[in-house]
């Protein structure tokens, strides 16, 4: 990402129905449960990978920040959502999330290779796929999508950073790399509300339970 760009510089927001997409497919499932007719609205989306990164050189966890339109949209009172949104009242920062480095599974390569490429594109670190530790595969968005999300852990050094990251501009990505020290991360987890997904919280708590003593030794 060009360092002059700002991820929260959001304007000209408009809301409209989705008629076609390469990333999501809305569906309606009809079924019987205990002999009763039911139906459920759902989305078919890509599976994904997420990578928790720890920089051993400076003892920081490496995350990403980006603007998430769905988070932004859900933060606005429905009475204030029309064909357009007043960004002077509802600035883009309402949709800025703190997340793990992540990406969708849409290439014919292993999950480890997919994760390696995402770490390189988003955070700028060249990590061997063989060094990635698989944590767990979970189901994300169980109420609407049920997609698989596989979490990985990677340790990096400053010497492994080959670029500033920021995502793939050809895909329209606009990402800030975000680093947090261990105490800062603990304090973040103690907030009453965070703009972070469940997979992020699980991975960070997994780190403190399984890795923090080893990396601090």
N, C-alpha and C. Protein backbone atom coordinates (compact mmCIF):
# COMPACT_ATOMS: atom_id res chain seq x y z
N UNK A 1 0.83 -1.20 0.00
CA UNK A 1 0.00 0.00 0.00
C UNK A 1 0.86 1.24 0.00
N UNK A 2 0.51 2.22 -0.81
CA UNK A 2 1.19 3.51 -0.80
C UNK A 2 1.04 4.14 0.58
N UNK A 3 2.16 4.53 1.19
CA UNK A 3 2.13 5.05 2.55
C UNK A 3 1.35 6.36 2.66
N UNK A 4 1.06 7.02 1.50
CA UNK A 4 0.25 8.23 1.55
C UNK A 4 -1.25 7.90 1.66
N UNK A 5 -1.60 6.63 1.39
CA UNK A 5 -2.99 6.23 1.48
C UNK A 5 -3.38 6.00 2.94
N UNK A 6 -4.67 6.21 3.24
CA UNK A 6 -5.18 5.98 4.57
C UNK A 6 -6.33 5.00 4.48
N UNK A 7 -6.28 3.94 5.29
CA UNK A 7 -7.30 2.91 5.18
C UNK A 7 -8.68 3.39 5.65
N UNK A 8 -8.72 4.47 6.45
CA UNK A 8 -10.01 4.97 6.92
C UNK A 8 -10.51 6.17 6.12
N UNK A 9 -9.87 6.46 4.98
CA UNK A 9 -10.32 7.56 4.11
C UNK A 9 -11.45 7.04 3.23
N UNK A 10 -12.65 7.02 3.78
CA UNK A 10 -13.82 6.44 3.12
C UNK A 10 -14.81 7.56 2.76
N UNK A 11 -15.29 7.56 1.54
CA UNK A 11 -16.25 8.57 1.10
C UNK A 11 -17.16 7.98 0.03
N UNK A 12 -18.18 8.74 -0.35
CA UNK A 12 -19.12 8.35 -1.42
C UNK A 12 -19.69 6.95 -1.20
N UNK A 13 -20.12 6.68 0.03
CA UNK A 13 -20.67 5.37 0.37
C UNK A 13 -22.11 5.27 -0.13
N UNK A 14 -22.42 4.23 -0.87
CA UNK A 14 -23.79 3.97 -1.31
C UNK A 14 -24.13 2.51 -1.05
N UNK A 15 -25.39 2.24 -0.81
CA UNK A 15 -25.88 0.90 -0.49
C UNK A 15 -26.86 0.47 -1.56
N UNK A 16 -26.71 -0.76 -2.06
CA UNK A 16 -27.60 -1.25 -3.12
C UNK A 16 -27.70 -2.76 -3.03
N UNK A 17 -28.70 -3.36 -3.64
CA UNK A 17 -28.80 -4.83 -3.63
C UNK A 17 -27.65 -5.47 -4.39
N UNK A 18 -27.27 -6.67 -3.96
CA UNK A 18 -26.22 -7.44 -4.63
C UNK A 18 -26.89 -8.40 -5.61
N UNK A 19 -26.57 -8.25 -6.89
CA UNK A 19 -27.20 -9.10 -7.90
C UNK A 19 -26.25 -10.17 -8.44
N UNK A 20 -24.93 -9.93 -8.36
CA UNK A 20 -23.97 -10.89 -8.87
C UNK A 20 -22.64 -10.71 -8.15
N UNK A 21 -21.95 -11.82 -7.84
CA UNK A 21 -20.68 -11.73 -7.13
C UNK A 21 -19.84 -12.96 -7.43
N UNK A 22 -18.53 -12.74 -7.51
CA UNK A 22 -17.59 -13.86 -7.67
C UNK A 22 -17.17 -14.44 -6.33
N UNK A 23 -17.60 -13.80 -5.22
CA UNK A 23 -17.12 -14.19 -3.90
C UNK A 23 -18.21 -14.77 -2.99
N UNK A 24 -19.46 -14.35 -3.17
CA UNK A 24 -20.54 -14.86 -2.33
C UNK A 24 -21.73 -15.26 -3.21
N UNK A 25 -22.41 -16.30 -2.78
CA UNK A 25 -23.60 -16.76 -3.49
C UNK A 25 -24.73 -16.94 -2.49
N UNK A 26 -25.73 -16.07 -2.52
CA UNK A 26 -26.85 -16.22 -1.57
C UNK A 26 -27.75 -17.38 -1.97
N UNK A 27 -28.16 -18.15 -0.99
CA UNK A 27 -28.99 -19.33 -1.21
C UNK A 27 -30.09 -19.42 -0.14
N UNK A 28 -31.13 -20.19 -0.46
CA UNK A 28 -32.17 -20.49 0.53
C UNK A 28 -32.28 -22.01 0.64
N UNK A 29 -32.11 -22.52 1.83
CA UNK A 29 -32.23 -23.96 2.07
C UNK A 29 -33.58 -24.26 2.72
N UNK A 30 -34.31 -25.19 2.15
CA UNK A 30 -35.54 -25.68 2.75
C UNK A 30 -35.29 -27.08 3.29
N UNK A 31 -35.83 -27.37 4.47
CA UNK A 31 -35.62 -28.68 5.09
C UNK A 31 -36.70 -28.95 6.12
N UNK A 32 -36.76 -30.19 6.54
CA UNK A 32 -37.64 -30.58 7.63
C UNK A 32 -36.81 -30.85 8.87
N UNK A 33 -37.27 -30.37 10.02
CA UNK A 33 -36.62 -30.64 11.29
C UNK A 33 -37.69 -31.07 12.28
N UNK A 34 -37.54 -32.29 12.77
CA UNK A 34 -38.56 -32.86 13.64
C UNK A 34 -39.94 -32.83 12.99
N UNK A 35 -39.95 -33.09 11.66
CA UNK A 35 -41.21 -33.17 10.94
C UNK A 35 -41.82 -31.83 10.55
N UNK A 36 -41.15 -30.73 10.90
CA UNK A 36 -41.67 -29.40 10.60
C UNK A 36 -40.88 -28.77 9.46
N UNK A 37 -41.60 -28.12 8.54
CA UNK A 37 -40.94 -27.44 7.43
C UNK A 37 -40.21 -26.19 7.93
N UNK A 38 -38.96 -26.04 7.49
CA UNK A 38 -38.18 -24.87 7.85
C UNK A 38 -37.42 -24.38 6.64
N UNK A 39 -36.92 -23.17 6.73
CA UNK A 39 -36.03 -22.66 5.69
C UNK A 39 -34.99 -21.77 6.33
N UNK A 40 -33.83 -21.65 5.66
CA UNK A 40 -32.71 -20.85 6.18
C UNK A 40 -32.03 -20.15 5.02
N UNK A 41 -31.69 -18.90 5.22
CA UNK A 41 -30.96 -18.14 4.21
C UNK A 41 -29.47 -18.22 4.52
N UNK A 42 -28.67 -18.53 3.52
CA UNK A 42 -27.25 -18.71 3.75
C UNK A 42 -26.44 -18.20 2.56
N UNK A 43 -25.12 -18.15 2.77
CA UNK A 43 -24.19 -17.71 1.73
C UNK A 43 -23.16 -18.80 1.48
N UNK A 44 -22.85 -19.06 0.24
CA UNK A 44 -21.73 -19.90 -0.12
C UNK A 44 -20.53 -18.99 -0.38
N UNK A 45 -19.46 -19.17 0.40
CA UNK A 45 -18.28 -18.34 0.24
C UNK A 45 -17.04 -19.23 0.25
N UNK A 46 -15.89 -18.64 -0.07
CA UNK A 46 -14.63 -19.38 -0.08
C UNK A 46 -14.20 -19.73 1.35
N UNK A 47 -13.51 -20.85 1.50
CA UNK A 47 -12.80 -21.13 2.74
C UNK A 47 -11.62 -20.15 2.84
N UNK A 48 -10.97 -20.13 4.01
CA UNK A 48 -9.91 -19.14 4.21
C UNK A 48 -8.81 -19.67 5.11
N UNK A 49 -7.69 -18.95 5.11
CA UNK A 49 -6.59 -19.21 6.05
C UNK A 49 -6.32 -17.93 6.82
N UNK A 50 -5.88 -18.09 8.07
CA UNK A 50 -5.45 -16.96 8.90
C UNK A 50 -4.12 -17.33 9.54
N UNK A 51 -3.26 -16.34 9.70
CA UNK A 51 -1.92 -16.62 10.22
C UNK A 51 -1.59 -15.66 11.37
N UNK A 52 -1.33 -16.24 12.54
CA UNK A 52 -0.85 -15.47 13.68
C UNK A 52 0.66 -15.39 13.57
N UNK A 53 1.20 -14.18 13.51
CA UNK A 53 2.63 -13.97 13.28
C UNK A 53 3.27 -13.36 14.52
N UNK A 54 4.38 -13.96 14.94
CA UNK A 54 5.15 -13.42 16.07
C UNK A 54 6.56 -13.09 15.60
N UNK A 55 6.94 -11.83 15.76
CA UNK A 55 8.28 -11.38 15.39
C UNK A 55 9.20 -11.55 16.60
N UNK A 56 10.11 -12.53 16.49
CA UNK A 56 10.98 -12.84 17.63
C UNK A 56 12.09 -11.80 17.80
N UNK A 57 12.38 -11.04 16.76
CA UNK A 57 13.42 -10.02 16.85
C UNK A 57 13.03 -8.91 17.82
N UNK A 58 11.76 -8.51 17.72
CA UNK A 58 11.30 -7.38 18.55
C UNK A 58 10.21 -7.77 19.52
N UNK A 59 9.90 -9.07 19.58
CA UNK A 59 8.92 -9.60 20.53
C UNK A 59 7.56 -8.89 20.41
N UNK A 60 7.06 -8.89 19.18
CA UNK A 60 5.74 -8.30 18.92
C UNK A 60 4.92 -9.26 18.09
N UNK A 61 3.61 -9.20 18.27
CA UNK A 61 2.68 -9.92 17.41
C UNK A 61 2.34 -9.01 16.23
N UNK A 62 2.26 -9.60 15.06
CA UNK A 62 2.03 -8.83 13.83
C UNK A 62 0.61 -9.10 13.34
N UNK A 63 -0.19 -8.03 13.29
CA UNK A 63 -1.56 -8.11 12.83
C UNK A 63 -1.74 -7.20 11.61
N UNK A 64 -2.95 -7.14 11.12
CA UNK A 64 -3.27 -6.21 10.04
C UNK A 64 -4.52 -5.42 10.41
N UNK A 65 -4.59 -4.22 9.89
CA UNK A 65 -5.78 -3.39 10.00
C UNK A 65 -6.33 -3.15 8.60
N UNK A 66 -7.65 -3.22 8.46
CA UNK A 66 -8.25 -2.89 7.18
C UNK A 66 -9.70 -2.48 7.35
N UNK A 67 -10.22 -1.82 6.34
CA UNK A 67 -11.61 -1.38 6.36
C UNK A 67 -12.50 -2.52 5.92
N UNK A 68 -13.47 -2.87 6.77
CA UNK A 68 -14.42 -3.93 6.48
C UNK A 68 -15.81 -3.32 6.29
N UNK A 69 -16.29 -3.29 5.04
CA UNK A 69 -17.59 -2.67 4.78
C UNK A 69 -18.73 -3.24 5.62
N UNK A 70 -18.73 -4.56 5.87
CA UNK A 70 -19.82 -5.14 6.65
C UNK A 70 -19.80 -4.64 8.09
N UNK A 71 -18.61 -4.48 8.67
CA UNK A 71 -18.49 -3.95 10.03
C UNK A 71 -18.94 -2.49 10.05
N UNK A 72 -18.52 -1.75 9.04
CA UNK A 72 -18.93 -0.34 8.93
C UNK A 72 -20.46 -0.24 8.83
N UNK A 73 -21.04 -1.02 7.93
CA UNK A 73 -22.48 -0.98 7.71
C UNK A 73 -23.25 -1.32 8.99
N UNK A 74 -22.79 -2.34 9.70
CA UNK A 74 -23.51 -2.77 10.90
C UNK A 74 -23.36 -1.79 12.06
N UNK A 75 -22.39 -0.86 11.95
CA UNK A 75 -22.20 0.13 13.03
C UNK A 75 -23.12 1.33 12.89
N UNK A 76 -23.82 1.42 11.78
CA UNK A 76 -24.67 2.59 11.51
C UNK A 76 -26.12 2.27 11.86
N UNK A 77 -26.79 3.10 12.63
CA UNK A 77 -28.21 2.87 12.92
C UNK A 77 -29.01 2.74 11.63
N UNK A 78 -29.91 1.77 11.59
CA UNK A 78 -30.63 1.49 10.35
C UNK A 78 -31.44 2.67 9.85
N UNK A 79 -31.89 3.52 10.76
CA UNK A 79 -32.64 4.70 10.31
C UNK A 79 -31.76 5.69 9.56
N UNK A 80 -30.45 5.53 9.68
CA UNK A 80 -29.52 6.43 8.99
C UNK A 80 -28.91 5.79 7.74
N UNK A 81 -29.39 4.60 7.39
CA UNK A 81 -28.90 3.92 6.19
C UNK A 81 -29.94 4.06 5.09
N UNK A 82 -29.59 4.80 4.06
CA UNK A 82 -30.45 4.92 2.89
C UNK A 82 -29.68 4.48 1.66
N UNK A 83 -29.92 5.14 0.55
CA UNK A 83 -29.14 4.84 -0.65
C UNK A 83 -27.69 5.28 -0.48
N UNK A 84 -27.45 6.22 0.40
CA UNK A 84 -26.09 6.69 0.66
C UNK A 84 -25.92 6.90 2.16
N UNK A 85 -24.66 7.01 2.58
CA UNK A 85 -24.33 7.17 3.99
C UNK A 85 -23.53 8.45 4.17
N UNK A 86 -23.87 9.25 5.17
CA UNK A 86 -23.18 10.49 5.47
C UNK A 86 -21.89 10.19 6.22
N UNK A 87 -20.77 10.19 5.52
CA UNK A 87 -19.50 9.83 6.15
C UNK A 87 -18.96 10.92 7.07
N UNK A 88 -19.53 12.10 7.03
CA UNK A 88 -19.13 13.12 8.01
C UNK A 88 -19.69 12.77 9.39
N UNK A 89 -20.82 12.07 9.41
CA UNK A 89 -21.41 11.61 10.68
C UNK A 89 -20.88 10.23 11.06
N UNK A 90 -20.62 9.42 10.04
CA UNK A 90 -20.19 8.05 10.27
C UNK A 90 -18.87 7.82 9.53
N UNK A 91 -17.75 8.22 10.14
CA UNK A 91 -16.44 8.14 9.46
C UNK A 91 -15.98 6.71 9.25
N UNK A 92 -15.06 6.54 8.32
CA UNK A 92 -14.57 5.23 7.96
C UNK A 92 -13.94 4.44 9.08
N UNK A 93 -13.45 5.13 10.12
CA UNK A 93 -12.79 4.43 11.23
C UNK A 93 -13.73 3.45 11.94
N UNK A 94 -15.04 3.63 11.76
CA UNK A 94 -16.01 2.71 12.38
C UNK A 94 -15.90 1.31 11.79
N UNK A 95 -15.28 1.19 10.61
CA UNK A 95 -15.15 -0.11 9.98
C UNK A 95 -13.74 -0.65 9.96
N UNK A 96 -12.82 -0.04 10.72
CA UNK A 96 -11.43 -0.50 10.74
C UNK A 96 -11.28 -1.61 11.79
N UNK A 97 -10.85 -2.78 11.34
CA UNK A 97 -10.71 -3.92 12.22
C UNK A 97 -9.24 -4.25 12.45
N UNK A 98 -8.97 -4.93 13.56
CA UNK A 98 -7.66 -5.51 13.85
C UNK A 98 -7.81 -7.02 13.66
N UNK A 99 -7.02 -7.60 12.76
CA UNK A 99 -7.20 -9.00 12.38
C UNK A 99 -5.86 -9.72 12.26
N UNK A 100 -5.97 -11.03 12.07
CA UNK A 100 -4.82 -11.81 11.64
C UNK A 100 -4.61 -11.59 10.15
N UNK A 101 -3.40 -11.75 9.71
CA UNK A 101 -3.12 -11.86 8.28
C UNK A 101 -3.96 -13.01 7.75
N UNK A 102 -4.66 -12.80 6.62
CA UNK A 102 -5.61 -13.82 6.17
C UNK A 102 -5.86 -13.70 4.67
N UNK A 103 -6.47 -14.74 4.13
CA UNK A 103 -6.84 -14.71 2.72
C UNK A 103 -7.74 -15.88 2.38
N UNK A 104 -8.44 -15.77 1.26
CA UNK A 104 -9.35 -16.84 0.84
C UNK A 104 -8.58 -17.96 0.14
N UNK A 105 -9.15 -19.13 0.16
CA UNK A 105 -8.57 -20.30 -0.51
C UNK A 105 -9.21 -20.38 -1.90
N UNK A 106 -8.49 -19.88 -2.89
CA UNK A 106 -9.04 -19.87 -4.25
C UNK A 106 -8.01 -20.30 -5.30
N UNK A 107 -6.91 -20.91 -4.84
CA UNK A 107 -5.87 -21.39 -5.76
C UNK A 107 -5.64 -22.88 -5.52
N UNK A 108 -5.16 -23.57 -6.53
CA UNK A 108 -4.92 -25.00 -6.44
C UNK A 108 -3.54 -25.27 -5.85
N UNK A 109 -3.37 -24.83 -4.60
CA UNK A 109 -2.13 -25.06 -3.84
C UNK A 109 -2.52 -25.48 -2.44
N UNK A 110 -1.55 -25.94 -1.66
CA UNK A 110 -1.82 -26.36 -0.29
C UNK A 110 -2.24 -25.17 0.57
N UNK A 111 -2.86 -25.47 1.69
CA UNK A 111 -3.23 -24.41 2.63
C UNK A 111 -1.98 -23.70 3.15
N UNK A 112 -0.90 -24.46 3.36
CA UNK A 112 0.34 -23.86 3.83
C UNK A 112 0.90 -22.88 2.81
N UNK A 113 0.83 -23.23 1.53
CA UNK A 113 1.32 -22.33 0.49
C UNK A 113 0.42 -21.10 0.38
N UNK A 114 -0.87 -21.30 0.51
CA UNK A 114 -1.79 -20.16 0.51
C UNK A 114 -1.45 -19.21 1.65
N UNK A 115 -1.20 -19.78 2.83
CA UNK A 115 -0.86 -18.95 3.99
C UNK A 115 0.47 -18.23 3.78
N UNK A 116 1.45 -18.93 3.22
CA UNK A 116 2.76 -18.31 2.96
C UNK A 116 2.62 -17.09 2.07
N UNK A 117 1.82 -17.22 1.00
CA UNK A 117 1.63 -16.12 0.07
C UNK A 117 0.93 -14.94 0.74
N UNK A 118 -0.02 -15.22 1.62
CA UNK A 118 -0.72 -14.13 2.31
C UNK A 118 0.21 -13.39 3.26
N UNK A 119 1.07 -14.10 3.97
CA UNK A 119 2.03 -13.44 4.86
C UNK A 119 2.95 -12.52 4.06
N UNK A 120 3.36 -12.98 2.88
CA UNK A 120 4.23 -12.17 2.03
C UNK A 120 3.50 -10.94 1.51
N UNK A 121 2.29 -11.12 0.99
CA UNK A 121 1.54 -10.01 0.39
C UNK A 121 1.09 -8.99 1.43
N UNK A 122 0.56 -9.46 2.55
CA UNK A 122 -0.05 -8.55 3.50
C UNK A 122 0.94 -7.95 4.49
N UNK A 123 1.93 -8.75 4.91
CA UNK A 123 2.83 -8.29 5.97
C UNK A 123 4.28 -8.17 5.54
N UNK A 124 4.62 -8.67 4.34
CA UNK A 124 5.96 -8.46 3.80
C UNK A 124 7.01 -9.43 4.26
N UNK A 125 6.64 -10.50 4.97
CA UNK A 125 7.63 -11.47 5.45
C UNK A 125 7.68 -12.68 4.52
N UNK A 126 8.90 -13.13 4.20
CA UNK A 126 9.10 -14.33 3.40
C UNK A 126 9.26 -15.51 4.35
N UNK A 127 8.21 -16.31 4.45
CA UNK A 127 8.17 -17.42 5.41
C UNK A 127 8.10 -18.74 4.64
N UNK A 128 8.98 -19.69 4.90
CA UNK A 128 8.85 -21.00 4.26
C UNK A 128 7.54 -21.67 4.66
N UNK A 129 6.86 -22.25 3.70
CA UNK A 129 5.59 -22.92 3.99
C UNK A 129 5.79 -24.02 5.02
N UNK A 130 6.96 -24.67 4.99
CA UNK A 130 7.22 -25.78 5.90
C UNK A 130 7.34 -25.33 7.35
N UNK A 131 7.57 -24.03 7.59
CA UNK A 131 7.73 -23.55 8.96
C UNK A 131 6.40 -23.15 9.60
N UNK A 132 5.33 -23.15 8.82
CA UNK A 132 4.03 -22.76 9.35
C UNK A 132 3.46 -23.88 10.21
N UNK A 133 3.01 -23.54 11.39
CA UNK A 133 2.41 -24.52 12.31
C UNK A 133 0.89 -24.40 12.24
N UNK A 134 0.24 -25.49 11.87
CA UNK A 134 -1.22 -25.45 11.80
C UNK A 134 -1.80 -25.55 13.21
N UNK A 135 -2.66 -24.60 13.56
CA UNK A 135 -3.26 -24.57 14.89
C UNK A 135 -4.55 -25.38 14.92
N UNK A 136 -5.48 -25.02 14.04
CA UNK A 136 -6.80 -25.66 14.06
C UNK A 136 -7.58 -25.18 12.84
N UNK A 137 -8.55 -25.97 12.43
CA UNK A 137 -9.52 -25.55 11.42
C UNK A 137 -10.87 -25.39 12.11
N UNK A 138 -11.47 -24.23 11.95
CA UNK A 138 -12.75 -23.94 12.60
C UNK A 138 -13.80 -23.62 11.54
N UNK A 139 -15.02 -23.50 11.98
CA UNK A 139 -16.11 -23.06 11.11
C UNK A 139 -16.42 -21.60 11.44
N UNK A 140 -16.37 -20.79 10.41
CA UNK A 140 -16.61 -19.36 10.58
C UNK A 140 -18.00 -19.01 10.06
N UNK A 141 -18.62 -17.99 10.65
CA UNK A 141 -19.92 -17.54 10.17
C UNK A 141 -20.96 -18.64 10.17
N UNK A 142 -21.07 -19.40 11.29
CA UNK A 142 -21.90 -20.59 11.30
C UNK A 142 -23.38 -20.31 11.08
N UNK A 143 -23.81 -19.08 11.32
CA UNK A 143 -25.22 -18.77 11.10
C UNK A 143 -25.56 -18.47 9.67
N UNK A 144 -24.54 -18.17 8.85
CA UNK A 144 -24.86 -17.74 7.49
C UNK A 144 -23.99 -18.37 6.41
N UNK A 145 -22.77 -18.80 6.75
CA UNK A 145 -21.90 -19.35 5.70
C UNK A 145 -21.32 -20.71 6.06
N UNK A 146 -20.87 -20.91 7.28
CA UNK A 146 -20.33 -22.20 7.70
C UNK A 146 -19.03 -22.58 7.02
N UNK A 147 -18.29 -21.60 6.50
CA UNK A 147 -17.06 -21.88 5.77
C UNK A 147 -15.95 -22.34 6.71
N UNK A 148 -14.96 -23.05 6.15
CA UNK A 148 -13.81 -23.50 6.92
C UNK A 148 -12.75 -22.40 6.97
N UNK A 149 -12.19 -22.21 8.15
CA UNK A 149 -11.09 -21.26 8.33
C UNK A 149 -9.96 -21.98 9.07
N UNK A 150 -8.80 -22.07 8.42
CA UNK A 150 -7.67 -22.77 9.00
C UNK A 150 -6.67 -21.77 9.55
N UNK A 151 -6.34 -21.91 10.83
CA UNK A 151 -5.43 -20.99 11.51
C UNK A 151 -4.02 -21.58 11.56
N UNK A 152 -3.04 -20.72 11.28
CA UNK A 152 -1.63 -21.10 11.33
C UNK A 152 -0.88 -20.16 12.28
N UNK A 153 0.29 -20.62 12.70
CA UNK A 153 1.20 -19.80 13.51
C UNK A 153 2.55 -19.75 12.82
N UNK A 154 3.14 -18.55 12.78
CA UNK A 154 4.45 -18.38 12.16
C UNK A 154 5.32 -17.49 13.03
N UNK A 155 6.58 -17.88 13.19
CA UNK A 155 7.56 -17.02 13.85
C UNK A 155 8.47 -16.43 12.78
N UNK A 156 8.71 -15.12 12.88
CA UNK A 156 9.52 -14.43 11.89
C UNK A 156 10.58 -13.59 12.59
N UNK A 157 11.55 -13.14 11.81
CA UNK A 157 12.55 -12.19 12.30
C UNK A 157 12.54 -10.97 11.39
N UNK A 158 13.18 -9.91 11.83
CA UNK A 158 13.28 -8.71 10.99
C UNK A 158 14.00 -9.01 9.68
N UNK A 159 14.94 -9.95 9.70
CA UNK A 159 15.68 -10.30 8.49
C UNK A 159 14.80 -10.96 7.44
N UNK A 160 13.67 -11.49 7.85
CA UNK A 160 12.77 -12.18 6.92
C UNK A 160 11.81 -11.21 6.23
N UNK A 161 11.84 -9.95 6.60
CA UNK A 161 10.91 -8.98 6.00
C UNK A 161 11.53 -8.44 4.71
N UNK A 162 10.84 -8.68 3.61
CA UNK A 162 11.37 -8.31 2.30
C UNK A 162 10.59 -7.16 1.65
N UNK A 163 9.49 -6.77 2.26
CA UNK A 163 8.71 -5.63 1.76
C UNK A 163 7.87 -5.08 2.90
N UNK A 164 7.18 -3.96 2.62
CA UNK A 164 6.33 -3.35 3.65
C UNK A 164 4.96 -3.99 3.73
N UNK A 165 4.66 -4.92 2.82
CA UNK A 165 3.35 -5.56 2.83
C UNK A 165 2.27 -4.61 2.33
N UNK A 166 1.09 -4.74 2.89
CA UNK A 166 -0.01 -3.86 2.50
C UNK A 166 -1.02 -4.50 1.58
N UNK A 167 -0.81 -5.77 1.20
CA UNK A 167 -1.77 -6.46 0.35
C UNK A 167 -1.47 -6.30 -1.12
N UNK A 168 -2.33 -6.90 -1.94
CA UNK A 168 -2.18 -6.87 -3.39
C UNK A 168 -3.01 -5.74 -3.98
N UNK A 169 -2.37 -4.66 -4.47
CA UNK A 169 -3.14 -3.53 -5.01
C UNK A 169 -3.96 -3.90 -6.23
N UNK A 170 -3.53 -4.93 -6.97
CA UNK A 170 -4.30 -5.35 -8.14
C UNK A 170 -5.65 -5.94 -7.75
N UNK A 171 -5.76 -6.40 -6.50
CA UNK A 171 -7.02 -6.93 -5.99
C UNK A 171 -7.76 -5.90 -5.15
N UNK A 172 -7.26 -4.66 -5.17
CA UNK A 172 -7.92 -3.59 -4.43
C UNK A 172 -7.69 -3.61 -2.94
N UNK A 173 -6.69 -4.36 -2.48
CA UNK A 173 -6.44 -4.44 -1.05
C UNK A 173 -5.76 -3.18 -0.54
N UNK A 174 -6.16 -2.76 0.64
CA UNK A 174 -5.60 -1.56 1.28
C UNK A 174 -5.44 -1.91 2.76
N UNK A 175 -4.23 -2.31 3.15
CA UNK A 175 -4.00 -2.92 4.46
C UNK A 175 -2.85 -2.22 5.18
N UNK A 176 -3.01 -1.99 6.45
CA UNK A 176 -1.94 -1.50 7.31
C UNK A 176 -1.42 -2.65 8.16
N UNK A 177 -0.10 -2.80 8.25
CA UNK A 177 0.50 -3.76 9.16
C UNK A 177 0.50 -3.16 10.56
N UNK A 178 0.08 -3.94 11.53
CA UNK A 178 -0.08 -3.45 12.91
C UNK A 178 0.68 -4.37 13.85
N UNK A 179 1.55 -3.81 14.67
CA UNK A 179 2.31 -4.60 15.63
C UNK A 179 1.87 -4.26 17.05
N UNK A 180 1.80 -5.29 17.90
CA UNK A 180 1.46 -5.09 19.30
C UNK A 180 2.44 -5.88 20.16
N UNK A 181 2.96 -5.23 21.19
CA UNK A 181 3.74 -5.94 22.19
C UNK A 181 2.82 -6.87 22.99
N UNK A 182 3.41 -7.76 23.77
CA UNK A 182 2.62 -8.75 24.49
C UNK A 182 1.69 -8.12 25.51
N UNK A 183 2.16 -7.13 26.26
CA UNK A 183 1.31 -6.48 27.25
C UNK A 183 0.19 -5.70 26.55
N UNK A 184 0.51 -5.03 25.48
CA UNK A 184 -0.51 -4.30 24.73
C UNK A 184 -1.58 -5.25 24.21
N UNK A 185 -1.15 -6.43 23.77
CA UNK A 185 -2.11 -7.41 23.27
C UNK A 185 -3.01 -7.91 24.39
N UNK A 186 -2.43 -8.16 25.55
CA UNK A 186 -3.24 -8.58 26.70
C UNK A 186 -4.28 -7.53 27.04
N UNK A 187 -3.88 -6.28 27.02
CA UNK A 187 -4.81 -5.19 27.33
C UNK A 187 -5.91 -5.10 26.28
N UNK A 188 -5.56 -5.37 25.04
CA UNK A 188 -6.57 -5.35 23.97
C UNK A 188 -7.62 -6.43 24.22
N UNK A 189 -7.17 -7.61 24.65
CA UNK A 189 -8.10 -8.71 24.91
C UNK A 189 -9.03 -8.42 26.08
N UNK A 190 -8.63 -7.52 26.95
CA UNK A 190 -9.43 -7.22 28.14
C UNK A 190 -10.49 -6.15 27.90
N UNK A 191 -10.52 -5.58 26.71
CA UNK A 191 -11.53 -4.57 26.41
C UNK A 191 -12.92 -5.20 26.38
N UNK A 192 -13.92 -4.40 26.66
CA UNK A 192 -15.31 -4.87 26.62
C UNK A 192 -15.79 -5.11 25.19
N UNK A 193 -15.23 -4.40 24.25
CA UNK A 193 -15.61 -4.56 22.85
C UNK A 193 -14.38 -4.34 21.97
N UNK A 194 -14.18 -5.22 21.01
CA UNK A 194 -13.06 -5.08 20.07
C UNK A 194 -13.59 -5.26 18.65
N UNK A 195 -12.98 -4.58 17.70
CA UNK A 195 -13.34 -4.74 16.30
C UNK A 195 -12.42 -5.81 15.70
N UNK A 196 -12.62 -7.04 16.15
CA UNK A 196 -11.82 -8.18 15.72
C UNK A 196 -12.72 -9.41 15.64
N UNK A 197 -12.42 -10.33 14.72
CA UNK A 197 -13.23 -11.55 14.59
C UNK A 197 -12.87 -12.60 15.62
N UNK A 198 -13.73 -13.63 15.74
CA UNK A 198 -13.51 -14.68 16.73
C UNK A 198 -12.23 -15.46 16.50
N UNK A 199 -11.87 -15.71 15.24
CA UNK A 199 -10.65 -16.44 14.95
C UNK A 199 -9.41 -15.73 15.47
N UNK A 200 -9.42 -14.42 15.39
CA UNK A 200 -8.33 -13.60 15.93
C UNK A 200 -8.20 -13.83 17.42
N UNK A 201 -9.32 -13.74 18.14
CA UNK A 201 -9.30 -13.88 19.58
C UNK A 201 -8.85 -15.27 19.99
N UNK A 202 -9.34 -16.30 19.29
CA UNK A 202 -8.93 -17.67 19.60
C UNK A 202 -7.43 -17.84 19.42
N UNK A 203 -6.90 -17.37 18.28
CA UNK A 203 -5.49 -17.56 17.98
C UNK A 203 -4.60 -16.85 18.99
N UNK A 204 -4.97 -15.64 19.38
CA UNK A 204 -4.15 -14.90 20.33
C UNK A 204 -4.17 -15.59 21.71
N UNK A 205 -5.34 -16.03 22.12
CA UNK A 205 -5.41 -16.74 23.41
C UNK A 205 -4.65 -18.07 23.34
N UNK A 206 -4.68 -18.74 22.18
CA UNK A 206 -3.88 -19.95 21.98
C UNK A 206 -2.40 -19.63 22.14
N UNK A 207 -1.96 -18.51 21.59
CA UNK A 207 -0.56 -18.10 21.70
C UNK A 207 -0.16 -17.92 23.16
N UNK A 208 -0.99 -17.23 23.93
CA UNK A 208 -0.64 -17.00 25.33
C UNK A 208 -0.67 -18.29 26.15
N UNK A 209 -1.46 -19.25 25.74
CA UNK A 209 -1.53 -20.51 26.46
C UNK A 209 -0.41 -21.47 26.06
N UNK A 210 0.01 -21.43 24.79
CA UNK A 210 0.90 -22.45 24.28
C UNK A 210 2.30 -21.98 23.88
N UNK A 211 2.47 -20.69 23.62
CA UNK A 211 3.73 -20.23 23.05
C UNK A 211 4.46 -19.16 23.87
N UNK A 212 3.74 -18.37 24.61
CA UNK A 212 4.36 -17.17 25.19
C UNK A 212 5.53 -17.51 26.10
N UNK A 213 5.44 -18.58 26.89
CA UNK A 213 6.54 -18.94 27.78
C UNK A 213 7.78 -19.34 26.99
N UNK A 214 7.57 -20.02 25.86
CA UNK A 214 8.71 -20.48 25.04
C UNK A 214 9.40 -19.30 24.36
N UNK A 215 8.63 -18.37 23.82
CA UNK A 215 9.25 -17.26 23.07
C UNK A 215 9.90 -16.26 24.02
N UNK A 216 9.49 -16.24 25.27
CA UNK A 216 10.08 -15.32 26.24
C UNK A 216 11.28 -15.93 26.95
N UNK A 217 11.47 -17.23 26.77
CA UNK A 217 12.56 -17.93 27.48
C UNK A 217 13.93 -17.46 27.00
